[in-house]
N, C-alpha and C. Protein backbone atom coordinates (compact mmCIF):
# COMPACT_ATOMS: atom_id res chain seq x y z
N MET A 1 40.11 -8.47 -14.51
CA MET A 1 40.15 -9.18 -13.26
C MET A 1 39.02 -10.20 -13.24
N ILE A 2 39.33 -11.43 -12.92
CA ILE A 2 38.34 -12.50 -12.88
C ILE A 2 38.05 -12.80 -11.42
N ALA A 3 36.75 -12.78 -11.07
CA ALA A 3 36.37 -13.02 -9.68
C ALA A 3 35.88 -14.45 -9.53
N THR A 4 36.16 -15.02 -8.40
CA THR A 4 35.65 -16.37 -8.10
C THR A 4 34.26 -16.23 -7.51
N ASN A 5 33.55 -17.36 -7.43
CA ASN A 5 32.19 -17.32 -6.84
C ASN A 5 32.23 -16.80 -5.41
N GLY A 6 33.26 -17.19 -4.66
CA GLY A 6 33.36 -16.73 -3.27
C GLY A 6 33.54 -15.23 -3.19
N SER A 7 34.41 -14.67 -4.03
CA SER A 7 34.61 -13.22 -3.96
C SER A 7 33.40 -12.47 -4.49
N LEU A 8 32.69 -13.05 -5.47
CA LEU A 8 31.46 -12.42 -5.96
C LEU A 8 30.41 -12.38 -4.86
N SER A 9 30.30 -13.49 -4.10
CA SER A 9 29.32 -13.54 -3.01
C SER A 9 29.66 -12.51 -1.94
N ARG A 10 30.97 -12.39 -1.60
CA ARG A 10 31.37 -11.41 -0.60
C ARG A 10 31.10 -10.00 -1.11
N PHE A 11 31.38 -9.76 -2.38
CA PHE A 11 31.13 -8.45 -2.97
C PHE A 11 29.65 -8.12 -2.93
N ALA A 12 28.79 -9.07 -3.30
CA ALA A 12 27.34 -8.85 -3.30
C ALA A 12 26.84 -8.59 -1.89
N CYS A 13 27.38 -9.34 -0.92
CA CYS A 13 26.99 -9.15 0.47
C CYS A 13 27.39 -7.76 0.97
N MET A 14 28.62 -7.35 0.67
CA MET A 14 29.08 -6.03 1.10
C MET A 14 28.26 -4.92 0.43
N ALA A 15 27.94 -5.11 -0.86
CA ALA A 15 27.14 -4.11 -1.56
C ALA A 15 25.76 -4.00 -0.92
N ALA A 16 25.17 -5.12 -0.56
CA ALA A 16 23.85 -5.11 0.07
C ALA A 16 23.91 -4.40 1.42
N ILE A 17 24.96 -4.65 2.19
CA ILE A 17 25.10 -4.01 3.49
C ILE A 17 25.26 -2.50 3.32
N LEU A 18 26.10 -2.09 2.38
CA LEU A 18 26.30 -0.66 2.15
C LEU A 18 25.02 0.02 1.70
N LEU A 19 24.26 -0.64 0.81
CA LEU A 19 22.99 -0.06 0.36
C LEU A 19 22.01 0.07 1.51
N SER A 20 21.92 -0.96 2.35
CA SER A 20 20.98 -0.89 3.47
C SER A 20 21.40 0.18 4.47
N LEU A 21 22.70 0.33 4.69
CA LEU A 21 23.16 1.38 5.60
C LEU A 21 22.90 2.77 5.03
N SER A 22 23.05 2.93 3.74
CA SER A 22 22.81 4.25 3.15
C SER A 22 21.34 4.63 3.17
N ALA A 23 20.47 3.64 3.29
CA ALA A 23 19.03 3.92 3.33
C ALA A 23 18.57 4.32 4.72
N CYS A 24 19.40 4.11 5.72
CA CYS A 24 19.04 4.43 7.10
C CYS A 24 19.11 5.93 7.32
N THR A 25 18.10 6.44 8.01
CA THR A 25 18.11 7.85 8.40
C THR A 25 17.69 7.94 9.84
N THR A 26 18.04 9.01 10.47
CA THR A 26 17.65 9.25 11.84
C THR A 26 16.75 10.47 11.83
N SER A 27 15.51 10.28 12.33
CA SER A 27 14.57 11.39 12.31
C SER A 27 14.74 12.30 13.53
N ASN A 28 15.32 11.78 14.60
CA ASN A 28 15.49 12.59 15.78
C ASN A 28 16.96 12.53 16.20
N LEU A 29 17.73 13.46 15.73
CA LEU A 29 19.15 13.45 15.98
C LEU A 29 19.50 13.81 17.42
N THR A 30 18.57 14.40 18.16
CA THR A 30 18.85 14.81 19.52
C THR A 30 18.41 13.76 20.54
N ALA A 31 17.89 12.65 20.10
CA ALA A 31 17.43 11.63 21.04
C ALA A 31 18.60 11.10 21.85
N SER A 32 18.40 10.98 23.16
CA SER A 32 19.48 10.50 24.02
C SER A 32 19.45 8.99 24.16
N VAL A 33 18.35 8.35 23.81
CA VAL A 33 18.25 6.90 23.92
C VAL A 33 18.61 6.29 22.58
N GLU A 34 19.57 5.41 22.62
CA GLU A 34 20.02 4.77 21.40
C GLU A 34 19.35 3.41 21.28
N GLU A 35 18.83 3.09 20.09
CA GLU A 35 18.19 1.80 19.87
C GLU A 35 19.25 0.72 19.78
N PRO A 36 18.90 -0.50 20.24
CA PRO A 36 19.88 -1.59 20.13
C PRO A 36 20.12 -1.90 18.66
N PRO A 37 21.29 -2.41 18.34
CA PRO A 37 21.58 -2.72 16.95
C PRO A 37 20.65 -3.81 16.44
N ALA A 38 20.29 -3.72 15.17
CA ALA A 38 19.40 -4.71 14.56
C ALA A 38 20.13 -6.04 14.46
N THR A 39 19.35 -7.11 14.56
CA THR A 39 19.91 -8.44 14.39
C THR A 39 20.39 -8.58 12.96
N PRO A 40 21.64 -9.02 12.77
CA PRO A 40 22.13 -9.12 11.39
C PRO A 40 21.39 -10.20 10.61
N MET A 41 21.15 -9.92 9.36
CA MET A 41 20.48 -10.88 8.47
C MET A 41 21.51 -11.91 8.03
N THR A 42 21.16 -13.18 8.18
CA THR A 42 22.07 -14.25 7.81
C THR A 42 21.66 -14.94 6.52
N GLY A 43 20.46 -14.62 6.04
CA GLY A 43 19.95 -15.28 4.84
C GLY A 43 19.19 -16.55 5.16
N GLU A 44 19.01 -16.82 6.44
CA GLU A 44 18.28 -18.02 6.85
C GLU A 44 16.78 -17.76 6.83
N THR A 45 16.01 -18.84 6.73
CA THR A 45 14.56 -18.75 6.65
C THR A 45 13.95 -18.03 7.85
N ASN A 46 14.47 -18.26 9.03
CA ASN A 46 13.88 -17.69 10.24
C ASN A 46 14.47 -16.36 10.66
N ASP A 47 15.17 -15.68 9.77
CA ASP A 47 15.65 -14.34 10.08
C ASP A 47 14.45 -13.44 10.39
N PRO A 48 14.59 -12.54 11.37
CA PRO A 48 13.49 -11.61 11.62
C PRO A 48 13.33 -10.66 10.43
N ALA A 49 12.11 -10.31 10.15
CA ALA A 49 11.85 -9.36 9.07
C ALA A 49 12.40 -8.01 9.47
N PRO A 50 13.09 -7.32 8.56
CA PRO A 50 13.64 -6.00 8.90
C PRO A 50 12.56 -5.07 9.44
N GLY A 51 12.85 -4.47 10.56
CA GLY A 51 11.90 -3.56 11.19
C GLY A 51 11.02 -4.24 12.22
N PHE A 52 11.06 -5.58 12.28
CA PHE A 52 10.20 -6.31 13.21
C PHE A 52 11.02 -7.14 14.19
N GLU A 53 12.29 -6.83 14.35
CA GLU A 53 13.15 -7.59 15.24
C GLU A 53 12.71 -7.48 16.69
N ASN A 54 12.10 -6.38 17.05
CA ASN A 54 11.76 -6.12 18.45
C ASN A 54 10.26 -6.21 18.73
N VAL A 55 9.55 -7.05 18.01
CA VAL A 55 8.12 -7.23 18.26
C VAL A 55 7.97 -7.98 19.58
N SER A 56 7.21 -7.41 20.49
CA SER A 56 7.06 -8.05 21.79
C SER A 56 5.94 -9.08 21.78
N ALA A 57 6.19 -10.17 22.48
CA ALA A 57 5.19 -11.24 22.59
C ALA A 57 3.92 -10.68 23.21
N GLY A 58 2.78 -11.08 22.66
CA GLY A 58 1.50 -10.64 23.18
C GLY A 58 1.01 -9.32 22.60
N SER A 59 1.79 -8.72 21.72
CA SER A 59 1.39 -7.44 21.12
C SER A 59 0.54 -7.70 19.88
N GLU A 60 -0.11 -6.65 19.40
CA GLU A 60 -0.90 -6.76 18.17
C GLU A 60 0.00 -7.14 16.99
N GLU A 61 1.20 -6.60 16.96
CA GLU A 61 2.14 -6.94 15.90
C GLU A 61 2.50 -8.42 15.94
N ASP A 62 2.69 -8.96 17.16
CA ASP A 62 2.97 -10.38 17.34
C ASP A 62 1.83 -11.22 16.77
N PHE A 63 0.61 -10.82 17.06
CA PHE A 63 -0.57 -11.55 16.57
C PHE A 63 -0.59 -11.55 15.04
N ILE A 64 -0.42 -10.38 14.45
CA ILE A 64 -0.49 -10.26 12.99
C ILE A 64 0.64 -11.03 12.31
N LEU A 65 1.87 -10.86 12.81
CA LEU A 65 3.03 -11.47 12.17
C LEU A 65 3.17 -12.96 12.43
N ASN A 66 2.90 -13.39 13.64
CA ASN A 66 3.21 -14.76 14.03
C ASN A 66 2.02 -15.70 14.10
N VAL A 67 0.82 -15.16 14.07
CA VAL A 67 -0.37 -15.99 14.16
C VAL A 67 -1.18 -15.91 12.86
N GLY A 68 -1.45 -14.70 12.43
CA GLY A 68 -2.28 -14.48 11.24
C GLY A 68 -3.69 -14.12 11.65
N ARG A 69 -4.23 -13.12 11.00
CA ARG A 69 -5.57 -12.67 11.38
C ARG A 69 -6.62 -12.89 10.32
N ARG A 70 -6.25 -13.45 9.17
CA ARG A 70 -7.22 -13.66 8.09
C ARG A 70 -7.54 -15.15 7.92
N THR A 71 -8.83 -15.43 7.85
CA THR A 71 -9.33 -16.77 7.59
C THR A 71 -10.11 -16.70 6.28
N TYR A 72 -9.78 -17.57 5.33
CA TYR A 72 -10.40 -17.51 4.00
C TYR A 72 -11.43 -18.62 3.81
N PHE A 73 -12.37 -18.37 2.90
CA PHE A 73 -13.49 -19.28 2.63
C PHE A 73 -13.62 -19.53 1.13
N THR A 74 -14.24 -20.66 0.80
CA THR A 74 -14.52 -20.95 -0.60
C THR A 74 -15.78 -20.20 -1.02
N GLN A 75 -16.00 -20.12 -2.31
CA GLN A 75 -17.12 -19.35 -2.86
C GLN A 75 -18.45 -19.85 -2.32
N ASP A 76 -19.30 -18.90 -1.95
CA ASP A 76 -20.67 -19.15 -1.48
C ASP A 76 -20.72 -20.08 -0.27
N SER A 77 -19.69 -20.08 0.58
CA SER A 77 -19.63 -20.99 1.72
C SER A 77 -19.17 -20.28 2.98
N ALA A 78 -19.69 -20.76 4.10
CA ALA A 78 -19.22 -20.32 5.41
C ALA A 78 -18.57 -21.48 6.15
N ALA A 79 -18.30 -22.57 5.43
CA ALA A 79 -17.68 -23.75 6.04
C ALA A 79 -16.18 -23.51 6.23
N LEU A 80 -15.67 -23.97 7.36
CA LEU A 80 -14.25 -23.85 7.66
C LEU A 80 -13.51 -25.07 7.11
N ASP A 81 -12.52 -24.85 6.26
CA ASP A 81 -11.72 -25.97 5.76
C ASP A 81 -10.53 -26.17 6.70
N SER A 82 -9.65 -27.11 6.39
CA SER A 82 -8.53 -27.44 7.28
C SER A 82 -7.57 -26.27 7.44
N VAL A 83 -7.37 -25.48 6.40
CA VAL A 83 -6.47 -24.32 6.49
C VAL A 83 -7.08 -23.26 7.40
N ALA A 84 -8.37 -23.00 7.25
CA ALA A 84 -9.06 -22.03 8.11
C ALA A 84 -9.00 -22.47 9.57
N LYS A 85 -9.22 -23.77 9.80
CA LYS A 85 -9.18 -24.29 11.18
C LYS A 85 -7.78 -24.17 11.76
N ALA A 86 -6.76 -24.39 10.97
CA ALA A 86 -5.38 -24.26 11.46
C ALA A 86 -5.10 -22.81 11.87
N THR A 87 -5.56 -21.85 11.08
CA THR A 87 -5.40 -20.44 11.42
C THR A 87 -6.12 -20.13 12.73
N LEU A 88 -7.35 -20.59 12.84
CA LEU A 88 -8.14 -20.34 14.05
C LEU A 88 -7.57 -21.07 15.26
N ASP A 89 -6.99 -22.26 15.06
CA ASP A 89 -6.32 -22.97 16.17
C ASP A 89 -5.17 -22.11 16.70
N ASN A 90 -4.38 -21.52 15.80
CA ASN A 90 -3.28 -20.65 16.21
C ASN A 90 -3.80 -19.42 16.94
N GLN A 91 -4.91 -18.87 16.46
CA GLN A 91 -5.50 -17.71 17.13
C GLN A 91 -5.98 -18.08 18.53
N ALA A 92 -6.65 -19.23 18.66
CA ALA A 92 -7.16 -19.66 19.97
C ALA A 92 -6.01 -19.86 20.96
N ALA A 93 -4.93 -20.48 20.51
CA ALA A 93 -3.77 -20.69 21.39
C ALA A 93 -3.16 -19.35 21.82
N TRP A 94 -3.04 -18.42 20.88
CA TRP A 94 -2.48 -17.10 21.19
C TRP A 94 -3.39 -16.36 22.17
N LEU A 95 -4.69 -16.42 21.93
CA LEU A 95 -5.64 -15.74 22.82
C LEU A 95 -5.62 -16.34 24.22
N ALA A 96 -5.38 -17.65 24.32
CA ALA A 96 -5.27 -18.29 25.64
C ALA A 96 -4.04 -17.77 26.39
N ARG A 97 -2.97 -17.49 25.67
CA ARG A 97 -1.75 -16.95 26.29
C ARG A 97 -1.86 -15.45 26.59
N ASN A 98 -2.81 -14.80 25.96
CA ASN A 98 -2.96 -13.35 26.08
C ASN A 98 -4.42 -13.00 26.40
N PRO A 99 -4.85 -13.30 27.64
CA PRO A 99 -6.27 -13.20 27.99
C PRO A 99 -6.83 -11.78 28.11
N THR A 100 -6.00 -10.76 28.00
CA THR A 100 -6.54 -9.39 28.13
C THR A 100 -7.11 -8.87 26.83
N TRP A 101 -6.76 -9.50 25.71
CA TRP A 101 -7.26 -9.02 24.41
C TRP A 101 -8.68 -9.49 24.15
N LEU A 102 -9.47 -8.60 23.54
CA LEU A 102 -10.79 -8.92 23.00
C LEU A 102 -10.62 -9.00 21.49
N ILE A 103 -11.57 -9.64 20.80
CA ILE A 103 -11.47 -9.70 19.34
C ILE A 103 -12.80 -9.39 18.67
N LYS A 104 -12.68 -8.70 17.57
CA LYS A 104 -13.82 -8.44 16.69
C LYS A 104 -13.57 -9.25 15.43
N LEU A 105 -14.51 -10.12 15.11
CA LEU A 105 -14.42 -10.95 13.91
C LEU A 105 -15.26 -10.28 12.83
N GLN A 106 -14.58 -9.82 11.78
CA GLN A 106 -15.24 -9.10 10.70
C GLN A 106 -15.33 -10.02 9.48
N GLY A 107 -16.58 -10.32 9.08
CA GLY A 107 -16.80 -11.18 7.93
C GLY A 107 -17.01 -10.38 6.66
N PHE A 108 -16.51 -10.93 5.54
CA PHE A 108 -16.63 -10.27 4.24
C PHE A 108 -17.00 -11.29 3.18
N ALA A 109 -17.65 -10.82 2.13
CA ALA A 109 -18.06 -11.70 1.03
C ALA A 109 -17.87 -10.99 -0.30
N ASP A 110 -17.54 -11.77 -1.29
CA ASP A 110 -17.43 -11.30 -2.68
C ASP A 110 -17.88 -12.48 -3.53
N ASP A 111 -19.13 -12.83 -3.38
CA ASP A 111 -19.66 -14.05 -3.96
C ASP A 111 -20.85 -13.72 -4.85
N SER A 112 -21.47 -14.76 -5.37
CA SER A 112 -22.64 -14.54 -6.21
C SER A 112 -23.84 -14.19 -5.34
N GLY A 113 -24.77 -13.47 -5.90
CA GLY A 113 -25.98 -13.14 -5.16
C GLY A 113 -26.13 -11.66 -4.91
N SER A 114 -27.23 -11.33 -4.30
CA SER A 114 -27.59 -9.95 -4.01
C SER A 114 -26.75 -9.40 -2.85
N PRO A 115 -26.76 -8.09 -2.70
CA PRO A 115 -26.06 -7.52 -1.54
C PRO A 115 -26.58 -8.08 -0.21
N ALA A 116 -27.89 -8.34 -0.12
CA ALA A 116 -28.45 -8.92 1.11
C ALA A 116 -27.91 -10.33 1.34
N ALA A 117 -27.75 -11.10 0.27
CA ALA A 117 -27.21 -12.46 0.39
C ALA A 117 -25.74 -12.41 0.83
N MET A 118 -24.99 -11.45 0.28
CA MET A 118 -23.59 -11.33 0.67
C MET A 118 -23.46 -10.86 2.12
N GLN A 119 -24.36 -9.99 2.54
CA GLN A 119 -24.37 -9.54 3.93
C GLN A 119 -24.61 -10.73 4.85
N SER A 120 -25.59 -11.54 4.51
CA SER A 120 -25.90 -12.72 5.31
C SER A 120 -24.73 -13.71 5.33
N LEU A 121 -24.13 -13.97 4.18
CA LEU A 121 -23.01 -14.89 4.10
C LEU A 121 -21.81 -14.38 4.91
N SER A 122 -21.53 -13.11 4.83
CA SER A 122 -20.40 -12.56 5.59
C SER A 122 -20.63 -12.69 7.09
N GLN A 123 -21.89 -12.52 7.53
CA GLN A 123 -22.20 -12.70 8.95
C GLN A 123 -22.04 -14.17 9.34
N LYS A 124 -22.49 -15.08 8.47
CA LYS A 124 -22.33 -16.52 8.75
C LYS A 124 -20.86 -16.89 8.86
N ARG A 125 -20.01 -16.31 8.03
CA ARG A 125 -18.58 -16.58 8.10
C ARG A 125 -18.00 -16.10 9.43
N ALA A 126 -18.35 -14.89 9.84
CA ALA A 126 -17.85 -14.36 11.11
C ALA A 126 -18.37 -15.21 12.27
N ASP A 127 -19.63 -15.61 12.21
CA ASP A 127 -20.21 -16.46 13.25
C ASP A 127 -19.54 -17.83 13.30
N ALA A 128 -19.20 -18.40 12.12
CA ALA A 128 -18.54 -19.70 12.06
C ALA A 128 -17.16 -19.62 12.71
N ALA A 129 -16.41 -18.56 12.43
CA ALA A 129 -15.09 -18.38 13.05
C ALA A 129 -15.24 -18.23 14.56
N MET A 130 -16.23 -17.48 15.00
CA MET A 130 -16.45 -17.28 16.43
C MET A 130 -16.83 -18.59 17.10
N ALA A 131 -17.74 -19.35 16.51
CA ALA A 131 -18.14 -20.64 17.09
C ALA A 131 -16.95 -21.59 17.20
N TYR A 132 -16.10 -21.58 16.20
CA TYR A 132 -14.92 -22.45 16.24
C TYR A 132 -13.98 -22.03 17.37
N LEU A 133 -13.74 -20.74 17.51
CA LEU A 133 -12.88 -20.26 18.60
C LEU A 133 -13.46 -20.61 19.96
N VAL A 134 -14.79 -20.51 20.11
CA VAL A 134 -15.44 -20.89 21.36
C VAL A 134 -15.20 -22.38 21.62
N SER A 135 -15.31 -23.20 20.56
CA SER A 135 -15.10 -24.65 20.72
C SER A 135 -13.66 -24.97 21.13
N LYS A 136 -12.75 -24.04 20.90
CA LYS A 136 -11.34 -24.21 21.28
C LYS A 136 -11.02 -23.54 22.62
N GLY A 137 -12.05 -23.08 23.33
CA GLY A 137 -11.85 -22.57 24.67
C GLY A 137 -11.80 -21.07 24.83
N VAL A 138 -11.98 -20.31 23.76
CA VAL A 138 -11.98 -18.85 23.88
C VAL A 138 -13.34 -18.42 24.44
N ASP A 139 -13.32 -17.63 25.48
CA ASP A 139 -14.54 -17.15 26.12
C ASP A 139 -15.36 -16.30 25.15
N PRO A 140 -16.63 -16.66 24.93
CA PRO A 140 -17.45 -15.88 23.98
C PRO A 140 -17.64 -14.42 24.41
N LYS A 141 -17.44 -14.13 25.68
CA LYS A 141 -17.56 -12.74 26.15
C LYS A 141 -16.42 -11.87 25.66
N ARG A 142 -15.35 -12.49 25.14
CA ARG A 142 -14.20 -11.75 24.62
C ARG A 142 -14.34 -11.43 23.14
N MET A 143 -15.44 -11.86 22.51
CA MET A 143 -15.56 -11.75 21.05
C MET A 143 -16.91 -11.22 20.63
N TRP A 144 -16.95 -10.65 19.46
CA TRP A 144 -18.18 -10.33 18.77
C TRP A 144 -17.91 -10.41 17.28
N ALA A 145 -18.99 -10.67 16.53
CA ALA A 145 -18.85 -10.90 15.09
C ALA A 145 -19.77 -9.96 14.33
N LYS A 146 -19.28 -9.47 13.20
CA LYS A 146 -20.09 -8.60 12.35
C LYS A 146 -19.76 -8.89 10.89
N GLY A 147 -20.81 -9.03 10.10
CA GLY A 147 -20.66 -9.22 8.66
C GLY A 147 -20.79 -7.90 7.93
N TYR A 148 -19.94 -7.70 6.93
CA TYR A 148 -19.93 -6.46 6.17
C TYR A 148 -20.29 -6.65 4.70
N GLY A 149 -20.66 -7.86 4.30
CA GLY A 149 -20.98 -8.08 2.90
C GLY A 149 -19.78 -7.81 2.03
N ASN A 150 -20.00 -7.08 0.94
CA ASN A 150 -18.87 -6.74 0.05
C ASN A 150 -18.51 -5.27 0.16
N ASP A 151 -18.82 -4.64 1.30
CA ASP A 151 -18.54 -3.22 1.49
C ASP A 151 -17.06 -2.89 1.53
N ARG A 152 -16.23 -3.82 1.95
CA ARG A 152 -14.81 -3.52 2.15
C ARG A 152 -13.95 -4.55 1.40
N GLU A 153 -14.02 -4.50 0.10
CA GLU A 153 -13.23 -5.44 -0.70
C GLU A 153 -11.75 -5.12 -0.60
N VAL A 154 -10.94 -6.18 -0.55
CA VAL A 154 -9.50 -6.01 -0.62
C VAL A 154 -9.12 -5.66 -2.04
N ARG A 155 -9.74 -6.35 -2.97
CA ARG A 155 -9.47 -6.14 -4.40
C ARG A 155 -10.79 -6.14 -5.15
N ASP A 156 -10.97 -5.25 -6.08
CA ASP A 156 -12.14 -5.21 -6.96
C ASP A 156 -11.73 -5.88 -8.26
N CYS A 157 -12.21 -7.09 -8.48
CA CYS A 157 -11.74 -7.84 -9.64
C CYS A 157 -12.74 -8.94 -10.00
N THR A 158 -12.52 -9.57 -11.13
CA THR A 158 -13.38 -10.67 -11.57
C THR A 158 -12.63 -12.00 -11.58
N ASP A 159 -11.31 -11.99 -11.53
CA ASP A 159 -10.51 -13.21 -11.55
C ASP A 159 -10.70 -13.99 -10.25
N ARG A 160 -10.88 -15.31 -10.35
CA ARG A 160 -11.13 -16.16 -9.18
C ARG A 160 -10.03 -16.03 -8.14
N SER A 161 -8.76 -16.06 -8.56
CA SER A 161 -7.66 -16.00 -7.60
C SER A 161 -7.63 -14.66 -6.87
N CYS A 162 -8.18 -13.66 -7.47
CA CYS A 162 -8.23 -12.34 -6.86
C CYS A 162 -9.44 -12.24 -5.91
N LYS A 163 -10.57 -12.74 -6.35
CA LYS A 163 -11.80 -12.63 -5.56
C LYS A 163 -11.72 -13.37 -4.23
N VAL A 164 -10.93 -14.45 -4.20
CA VAL A 164 -10.84 -15.24 -2.97
C VAL A 164 -10.28 -14.40 -1.81
N GLN A 165 -9.51 -13.36 -2.11
CA GLN A 165 -8.98 -12.49 -1.06
C GLN A 165 -10.09 -11.74 -0.33
N ASN A 166 -11.23 -11.58 -0.99
CA ASN A 166 -12.36 -10.87 -0.39
C ASN A 166 -13.25 -11.79 0.45
N ARG A 167 -13.11 -13.09 0.31
CA ARG A 167 -13.94 -14.06 1.04
C ARG A 167 -13.22 -14.44 2.31
N ARG A 168 -13.40 -13.63 3.33
CA ARG A 168 -12.56 -13.77 4.51
C ARG A 168 -13.26 -13.32 5.79
N VAL A 169 -12.64 -13.73 6.89
CA VAL A 169 -12.94 -13.16 8.20
C VAL A 169 -11.62 -12.61 8.71
N VAL A 170 -11.65 -11.38 9.18
CA VAL A 170 -10.46 -10.74 9.74
C VAL A 170 -10.66 -10.64 11.25
N THR A 171 -9.71 -11.17 11.99
CA THR A 171 -9.74 -11.12 13.45
C THR A 171 -8.94 -9.90 13.89
N ASN A 172 -9.64 -8.93 14.46
CA ASN A 172 -8.99 -7.69 14.92
C ASN A 172 -8.98 -7.64 16.43
N LEU A 173 -7.81 -7.39 16.98
CA LEU A 173 -7.67 -7.27 18.42
C LEU A 173 -8.23 -5.94 18.91
N ARG A 174 -8.85 -5.99 20.07
CA ARG A 174 -9.41 -4.80 20.69
C ARG A 174 -9.09 -4.81 22.19
N THR A 175 -9.04 -3.63 22.79
CA THR A 175 -8.87 -3.54 24.25
C THR A 175 -10.21 -3.29 24.92
N THR A 176 -11.18 -2.76 24.15
CA THR A 176 -12.53 -2.52 24.67
C THR A 176 -13.53 -2.95 23.60
N PRO A 177 -14.72 -3.32 24.02
CA PRO A 177 -15.74 -3.69 23.02
C PRO A 177 -16.19 -2.49 22.21
N ASP A 178 -16.63 -2.75 20.98
CA ASP A 178 -17.18 -1.68 20.15
C ASP A 178 -18.49 -1.18 20.76
N ALA A 179 -18.79 0.09 20.55
CA ALA A 179 -20.08 0.63 20.98
C ALA A 179 -21.16 0.06 20.08
N VAL A 180 -22.29 -0.24 20.65
CA VAL A 180 -23.39 -0.84 19.88
C VAL A 180 -24.16 0.18 19.12
């Protein structure tokens, strides 16, 4: 039997649907509330990510998925480049729409120098992100910054493309300030 491209595509689509349905399980069979059906995947760029169809606006998931919480830096620098500023611009706009959230800016470093130098650089990175957000209208009383040096590496590596993941500020949403 020879299949045409159209029938192959339909076959592949049906196989994918059957596989995804077979992977579904219900952990609570006695639940009386039924979840709404998931939005079907169309293969388009803006399809919702599976499992995230029902992310509510203003939630922590919304911030992570739709805004981004990581700002990256070049080696031995706390200067914000255009990409970092774009991320922080998105964060400032989101925070303006969601004024009940507080944020903790956590700075990290994986650069040359002593642990004390990395601690200082990570604090400068967190402070730079905070100053930029303040310049965009975010109330400084809603934020605090802390540098962690290289204590919490994403990846332990020597390759440049890998190390850059550690040169970052992570914006974490909070409902209450951290204890001092």
